[in-house]
Each structure stands twice: as C-alpha cells, then as structure tokens.
Amino acid sequence: MYPTTPDGRYFVVKGQLWRCTNPGLSEAERQRLVKALMTARRAVKAAKTSEDPEALRNARASVDAAKVALGERGPVWWEDGSPDYNRKRVANSPYARWFSDEVEGVDPS
C-alpha cells in the first residue's frame, strides 16, 4: 500500500504524488470506470504489439478519458480551490514535511 496524504487527495510512489480517485464516485460508478480503464490499458498493449499507431492513439485516449472520469486527471475533484500537485515531487510540494515526518521517518521494524 502506498502512503496517502492526510487530505486523501494523493498517494505517493517513489517520491511522486499521484492523484487519488474521486471519493465522491459511487462504488458502482468507480468499478465501471476501473473496468473501462483496464480494458483501455489492454488495448494500449495490443496496439503496441500490432504496431498500429492509430489504434495506439485511440487506446491512449481511452485510458485518458477513464482517468479523467475517475478524477485522477483533468479538473480536480475537490472544491476548496487548492492547487493540483499531481505528478509532482512530494519534496517540492506542501506535503513535503508530512512525507518526511510521517512516512520517511517511520521505523520499518
């Protein structure tokens, strides 16, 4: 499991912030969108294998559309006006102290 920021907006992988799925989605809608995302990712793999540039463009567009619908890309899902730090280094964000204190400072034993 990856550490999630205290506000639930991001999770951290290898020091980089990634936007979480919109928690306001119903479970049924989230599952539908995740299924669409996985289908689109398989289509990307197939297009790469077949070396079909048009199929690859279409598949990547489907991945992007699913991620936007999930709230992981595109307009932010929170409404307090806070900026988006998606795909930014946690060390260069307002979450740097939290990450340093709460995650990196944790004794693994």
C-alpha atoms as a PDB file:
ATOM      1  CA  MET A   1       0.000   0.000   0.000  1.00  0.00           C
ATOM      2  CA  TYR A   2       1.252   3.456  -0.847  1.00  0.00           C
ATOM      3  CA  PRO A   3       1.130   6.307   1.655  1.00  0.00           C
ATOM      4  CA  THR A   4      -1.829   8.626   1.141  1.00  0.00           C
ATOM      5  CA  THR A   5      -1.699  12.323   2.017  1.00  0.00           C
ATOM      6  CA  PRO A   6      -3.696  13.318   5.098  1.00  0.00           C
ATOM      7  CA  ASP A   7      -6.317  15.066   2.954  1.00  0.00           C
ATOM      8  CA  GLY A   8      -6.794  11.925   0.820  1.00  0.00           C
ATOM      9  CA  ARG A   9      -6.015  13.693  -2.433  1.00  0.00           C
ATOM     10  CA  TYR A  10      -2.785  11.932  -3.385  1.00  0.00           C
ATOM     11  CA  PHE A  11      -0.800   8.773  -2.851  1.00  0.00           C
ATOM     12  CA  VAL A  12       2.984   8.714  -3.099  1.00  0.00           C
ATOM     13  CA  VAL A  13       5.037   6.369  -5.292  1.00  0.00           C
ATOM     14  CA  LYS A  14       8.819   6.743  -5.415  1.00  0.00           C
ATOM     15  CA  GLY A  15       8.576  10.287  -4.056  1.00  0.00           C
ATOM     16  CA  GLN A  16       5.981  11.420  -6.595  1.00  0.00           C
ATOM     17  CA  LEU A  17       2.396  12.488  -5.904  1.00  0.00           C
ATOM     18  CA  TRP A  18      -0.382  10.777  -7.845  1.00  0.00           C
ATOM     19  CA  ARG A  19      -3.977  11.971  -7.595  1.00  0.00           C
ATOM     20  CA  CYS A  20      -6.395   9.567  -5.939  1.00  0.00           C
ATOM     21  CA  THR A  21      -9.721   8.568  -7.417  1.00  0.00           C
ATOM     22  CA  ASN A  22     -12.583  10.916  -6.610  1.00  0.00           C
ATOM     23  CA  PRO A  23     -14.076   9.611  -3.342  1.00  0.00           C
ATOM     24  CA  GLY A  24     -17.430  11.121  -4.343  1.00  0.00           C
ATOM     25  CA  LEU A  25     -17.968   8.456  -7.012  1.00  0.00           C
ATOM     26  CA  SER A  26     -20.393   5.694  -6.140  1.00  0.00           C
ATOM     27  CA  GLU A  27     -18.821   2.254  -5.812  1.00  0.00           C
ATOM     28  CA  ALA A  28     -20.714   1.047  -8.890  1.00  0.00           C
ATOM     29  CA  GLU A  29     -19.506   4.007 -10.975  1.00  0.00           C
ATOM     30  CA  ARG A  30     -15.928   3.598  -9.734  1.00  0.00           C
ATOM     31  CA  GLN A  31     -15.964  -0.102 -10.615  1.00  0.00           C
ATOM     32  CA  ARG A  32     -17.389   0.626 -14.074  1.00  0.00           C
ATOM     33  CA  LEU A  33     -14.684   3.214 -14.733  1.00  0.00           C
ATOM     34  CA  VAL A  34     -11.878   0.986 -13.432  1.00  0.00           C
ATOM     35  CA  LYS A  35     -13.100  -1.779 -15.738  1.00  0.00           C
ATOM     36  CA  ALA A  36     -13.047   0.698 -18.665  1.00  0.00           C
ATOM     37  CA  LEU A  37      -9.534   1.772 -17.671  1.00  0.00           C
ATOM     38  CA  MET A  38      -8.261  -1.807 -17.581  1.00  0.00           C
ATOM     39  CA  THR A  39      -9.847  -2.519 -20.977  1.00  0.00           C
ATOM     40  CA  ALA A  40      -8.190   0.592 -22.395  1.00  0.00           C
ATOM     41  CA  ARG A  41      -4.806  -0.398 -20.943  1.00  0.00           C
ATOM     42  CA  ARG A  42      -5.104  -3.822 -22.582  1.00  0.00           C
ATOM     43  CA  ALA A  43      -5.917  -2.051 -25.851  1.00  0.00           C
ATOM     44  CA  VAL A  44      -2.716   0.022 -25.485  1.00  0.00           C
ATOM     45  CA  LYS A  45      -0.703  -3.170 -25.077  1.00  0.00           C
ATOM     46  CA  ALA A  46      -2.382  -4.776 -28.099  1.00  0.00           C
ATOM     47  CA  ALA A  47      -1.825  -1.680 -30.242  1.00  0.00           C
ATOM     48  CA  LYS A  48       1.860  -1.608 -29.307  1.00  0.00           C
ATOM     49  CA  THR A  49       2.190  -5.291 -30.151  1.00  0.00           C
ATOM     50  CA  SER A  50       0.490  -4.822 -33.520  1.00  0.00           C
ATOM     51  CA  GLU A  51       2.439  -1.611 -34.180  1.00  0.00           C
ATOM     52  CA  ASP A  52      -0.786   0.171 -35.145  1.00  0.00           C
ATOM     53  CA  PRO A  53      -0.299   3.916 -34.492  1.00  0.00           C
ATOM     54  CA  GLU A  54      -3.984   4.809 -34.916  1.00  0.00           C
ATOM     55  CA  ALA A  55      -5.118   2.058 -32.549  1.00  0.00           C
ATOM     56  CA  LEU A  56      -2.461   3.214 -30.071  1.00  0.00           C
ATOM     57  CA  ARG A  57      -3.701   6.823 -30.224  1.00  0.00           C
ATOM     58  CA  ASN A  58      -7.287   5.668 -29.706  1.00  0.00           C
ATOM     59  CA  ALA A  59      -6.360   3.355 -26.840  1.00  0.00           C
ATOM     60  CA  ARG A  60      -4.334   6.050 -25.088  1.00  0.00           C
ATOM     61  CA  ALA A  61      -7.255   8.450 -25.483  1.00  0.00           C
ATOM     62  CA  SER A  62      -9.496   5.839 -23.833  1.00  0.00           C
ATOM     63  CA  VAL A  63      -7.060   5.499 -20.933  1.00  0.00           C
ATOM     64  CA  ASP A  64      -7.024   9.266 -20.505  1.00  0.00           C
ATOM     65  CA  ALA A  65     -10.826   9.502 -20.655  1.00  0.00           C
ATOM     66  CA  ALA A  66     -11.203   6.839 -17.964  1.00  0.00           C
ATOM     67  CA  LYS A  67      -8.618   8.513 -15.721  1.00  0.00           C
ATOM     68  CA  VAL A  68     -10.338  11.899 -16.138  1.00  0.00           C
ATOM     69  CA  ALA A  69     -13.710  10.318 -15.294  1.00  0.00           C
ATOM     70  CA  LEU A  70     -12.143   8.728 -12.200  1.00  0.00           C
ATOM     71  CA  GLY A  71     -10.816  12.146 -11.158  1.00  0.00           C
ATOM     72  CA  GLU A  72      -7.183  11.078 -11.420  1.00  0.00           C
ATOM     73  CA  ARG A  73      -6.509  13.561 -14.246  1.00  0.00           C
ATOM     74  CA  GLY A  74      -8.191  16.673 -15.561  1.00  0.00           C
ATOM     75  CA  PRO A  75     -10.143  19.018 -13.301  1.00  0.00           C
ATOM     76  CA  VAL A  76      -9.629  18.414  -9.600  1.00  0.00           C
ATOM     77  CA  TRP A  77     -12.465  16.808  -7.647  1.00  0.00           C
ATOM     78  CA  TRP A  78     -12.067  18.927  -4.531  1.00  0.00           C
ATOM     79  CA  GLU A  79     -13.789  22.277  -4.270  1.00  0.00           C
ATOM     80  CA  ASP A  80     -11.678  24.352  -1.868  1.00  0.00           C
ATOM     81  CA  GLY A  81      -9.574  25.992  -4.601  1.00  0.00           C
ATOM     82  CA  SER A  82      -6.350  24.212  -3.618  1.00  0.00           C
ATOM     83  CA  PRO A  83      -3.915  23.731  -6.497  1.00  0.00           C
ATOM     84  CA  ASP A  84      -3.195  20.370  -8.062  1.00  0.00           C
ATOM     85  CA  TYR A  85       0.147  18.703  -7.361  1.00  0.00           C
ATOM     86  CA  ASN A  86      -0.499  15.592  -9.449  1.00  0.00           C
ATOM     87  CA  ARG A  87       2.728  14.080 -10.817  1.00  0.00           C
ATOM     88  CA  LYS A  88       4.873  16.495  -8.769  1.00  0.00           C
ATOM     89  CA  ARG A  89       7.691  15.512  -6.437  1.00  0.00           C
ATOM     90  CA  VAL A  90       6.373  15.317  -2.890  1.00  0.00           C
ATOM     91  CA  ALA A  91       9.566  17.053  -1.701  1.00  0.00           C
ATOM     92  CA  ASN A  92       8.610  20.106  -3.793  1.00  0.00           C
ATOM     93  CA  SER A  93       5.050  20.340  -2.510  1.00  0.00           C
ATOM     94  CA  PRO A  94       3.175  21.417   0.612  1.00  0.00           C
ATOM     95  CA  TYR A  95       3.185  17.706   1.577  1.00  0.00           C
ATOM     96  CA  ALA A  96       6.990  17.613   1.983  1.00  0.00           C
ATOM     97  CA  ARG A  97       7.016  17.947   5.784  1.00  0.00           C
ATOM     98  CA  TRP A  98       4.241  15.355   6.196  1.00  0.00           C
ATOM     99  CA  PHE A  99       6.099  12.916   3.972  1.00  0.00           C
ATOM    100  CA  SER A 100       9.383  13.491   5.734  1.00  0.00           C
ATOM    101  CA  ASP A 101       7.918  13.273   9.252  1.00  0.00           C
ATOM    102  CA  GLU A 102       5.205  10.663   8.838  1.00  0.00           C
ATOM    103  CA  VAL A 103       6.461   8.386   6.099  1.00  0.00           C
ATOM    104  CA  GLU A 104      10.216   8.585   5.708  1.00  0.00           C
ATOM    105  CA  GLY A 105      10.713   8.922   9.457  1.00  0.00           C
ATOM    106  CA  VAL A 106       8.816   5.711  10.249  1.00  0.00           C
ATOM    107  CA  ASP A 107      10.950   2.943  11.718  1.00  0.00           C
ATOM    108  CA  PRO A 108      10.405  -0.100   9.430  1.00  0.00           C
ATOM    109  CA  SER A 109      10.885  -2.620  12.272  1.00  0.00           C
END
